[in-house]
C-alpha atoms as a PDB file:
ATOM      1  CA  MET A   1      89.767  93.894  30.895  1.00  0.00           C
ATOM      2  CA  SER A   2      87.740  95.158  34.187  1.00  0.00           C
ATOM      3  CA  ALA A   3      86.403  98.428  32.355  1.00  0.00           C
ATOM      4  CA  VAL A   4      85.706  96.588  29.208  1.00  0.00           C
ATOM      5  CA  LYS A   5      82.975  94.245  31.179  1.00  0.00           C
ATOM      6  CA  ARG A   6      80.888  97.443  32.261  1.00  0.00           C
ATOM      7  CA  VAL A   7      80.482  98.124  28.135  1.00  0.00           C
ATOM      8  CA  GLN A   8      76.895  98.012  27.495  1.00  0.00           C
ATOM      9  CA  VAL A   9      75.656  96.646  23.742  1.00  0.00           C
ATOM     10  CA  ASP A  10      72.263  97.048  22.211  1.00  0.00           C
ATOM     11  CA  ILE A  11      71.548  93.614  20.723  1.00  0.00           C
ATOM     12  CA  SER A  12      68.870  92.418  18.323  1.00  0.00           C
ATOM     13  CA  VAL A  13      67.715  90.210  16.042  1.00  0.00           C
ATOM     14  CA  VAL A  14      66.129  90.979  12.618  1.00  0.00           C
ATOM     15  CA  LEU A  15      63.601  87.455  11.231  1.00  0.00           C
ATOM     16  CA  GLY A  16      62.494  89.155   8.084  1.00  0.00           C
ATOM     17  CA  ARG A  17      61.789  92.651   6.707  1.00  0.00           C
ATOM     18  CA  ALA A  18      57.736  93.892   5.583  1.00  0.00           C
ATOM     19  CA  GLU A  19      56.848  97.506   3.286  1.00  0.00           C
ATOM     20  CA  MET A  20      53.217  98.543   4.205  1.00  0.00           C
ATOM     21  CA  PRO A  21      51.389 101.274   3.721  1.00  0.00           C
ATOM     22  CA  ILE A  22      51.116 103.192   7.535  1.00  0.00           C
ATOM     23  CA  ARG A  23      47.069 103.687   7.367  1.00  0.00           C
ATOM     24  CA  GLN A  24      47.482  99.265   7.432  1.00  0.00           C
ATOM     25  CA  LEU A  25      50.126  98.763   9.947  1.00  0.00           C
ATOM     26  CA  LEU A  26      47.280 101.366  12.402  1.00  0.00           C
ATOM     27  CA  LYS A  27      44.741  99.754  11.529  1.00  0.00           C
ATOM     28  CA  MET A  28      46.062  96.591  12.991  1.00  0.00           C
ATOM     29  CA  GLY A  29      45.372  95.231  16.327  1.00  0.00           C
ATOM     30  CA  ARG A  30      46.374  93.025  19.204  1.00  0.00           C
ATOM     31  CA  GLY A  31      47.169  89.056  17.691  1.00  0.00           C
ATOM     32  CA  ALA A  32      47.551  90.522  13.798  1.00  0.00           C
ATOM     33  CA  VAL A  33      49.714  88.420  11.838  1.00  0.00           C
ATOM     34  CA  ILE A  34      52.520  90.930   9.682  1.00  0.00           C
ATOM     35  CA  ASP A  35      53.956  88.524   6.927  1.00  0.00           C
ATOM     36  CA  LEU A  36      57.612  88.815   6.902  1.00  0.00           C
ATOM     37  CA  ASP A  37      59.705  88.400   3.398  1.00  0.00           C
ATOM     38  CA  ALA A  38      61.840  85.277   5.144  1.00  0.00           C
ATOM     39  CA  LYS A  39      61.089  80.989   5.335  1.00  0.00           C
ATOM     40  CA  HIS A  40      62.101  79.555   8.473  1.00  0.00           C
ATOM     41  CA  GLU A  41      65.389  78.063   7.486  1.00  0.00           C
ATOM     42  CA  ASP A  42      66.186  81.823   6.358  1.00  0.00           C
ATOM     43  CA  GLU A  43      69.469  83.287   8.915  1.00  0.00           C
ATOM     44  CA  CYS A  44      68.438  85.853  10.997  1.00  0.00           C
ATOM     45  CA  TRP A  45      70.932  89.538  11.632  1.00  0.00           C
ATOM     46  CA  ILE A  46      72.465  89.903  14.064  1.00  0.00           C
ATOM     47  CA  TYR A  47      73.447  94.223  14.780  1.00  0.00           C
ATOM     48  CA  ALA A  48      75.753  94.895  17.699  1.00  0.00           C
ATOM     49  CA  ASN A  49      75.006  98.947  19.062  1.00  0.00           C
ATOM     50  CA  GLY A  50      73.082  99.468  14.848  1.00  0.00           C
ATOM     51  CA  GLU A  51      76.303  97.875  13.325  1.00  0.00           C
ATOM     52  CA  LEU A  52      75.341  94.351  11.220  1.00  0.00           C
ATOM     53  CA  VAL A  53      77.985  92.046  13.084  1.00  0.00           C
ATOM     54  CA  ALA A  54      76.702  87.741  12.630  1.00  0.00           C
ATOM     55  CA  ARG A  55      74.092  86.150  11.212  1.00  0.00           C
ATOM     56  CA  GLY A  56      72.105  83.029  13.778  1.00  0.00           C
ATOM     57  CA  GLU A  57      69.387  81.592  13.048  1.00  0.00           C
ATOM     58  CA  ILE A  58      66.402  80.693  15.786  1.00  0.00           C
ATOM     59  CA  MET A  59      66.700  78.068  17.974  1.00  0.00           C
ATOM     60  CA  MET A  60      63.825  77.616  20.927  1.00  0.00           C
ATOM     61  CA  VAL A  61      65.880  77.024  24.723  1.00  0.00           C
ATOM     62  CA  GLY A  62      63.758  75.593  27.130  1.00  0.00           C
ATOM     63  CA  GLU A  63      60.617  78.501  26.762  1.00  0.00           C
ATOM     64  CA  LYS A  64      62.492  80.972  25.197  1.00  0.00           C
ATOM     65  CA  ILE A  65      63.570  82.008  21.882  1.00  0.00           C
ATOM     66  CA  GLY A  66      67.720  81.924  21.725  1.00  0.00           C
ATOM     67  CA  VAL A  67      69.671  82.911  18.458  1.00  0.00           C
ATOM     68  CA  SER A  68      72.916  81.178  17.612  1.00  0.00           C
ATOM     69  CA  ILE A  69      75.132  82.535  16.135  1.00  0.00           C
ATOM     70  CA  THR A  70      76.118  80.670  12.378  1.00  0.00           C
ATOM     71  CA  ARG A  71      78.917  82.937  10.977  1.00  0.00           C
ATOM     72  CA  MET A  72      80.097  86.423  12.280  1.00  0.00           C
ATOM     73  CA  THR A  73      79.873  89.549   9.082  1.00  0.00           C
ATOM     74  CA  SER A  74      83.204  90.812   7.682  1.00  0.00           C
ATOM     75  CA  GLU A  75      83.700  93.947   5.763  1.00  0.00           C
ATOM     76  CA  ALA A  76      82.948  92.844   2.704  1.00  0.00           C
ATOM     77  CA  GLU A  77      79.785  91.556   3.185  1.00  0.00           C
ATOM     78  CA  LEU A  78      78.161  94.747   4.726  1.00  0.00           C
END
């Protein structure tokens, strides 16, 4: 079990997506806002090593932002 505890997992959380031309992205500066296709009540996607593993909701944990897992993703959803 100690070997398993040393395994590193890269966790990524996707809040939403946006599409734009590269020229528009290159023009953006500090403080620019990118509109996402998500609403505040939508679930986010949680990836482990690039694989979708769960869905969750964003929450505040003191001064930090966290993710609460709402459901694990099944093979059928992939």
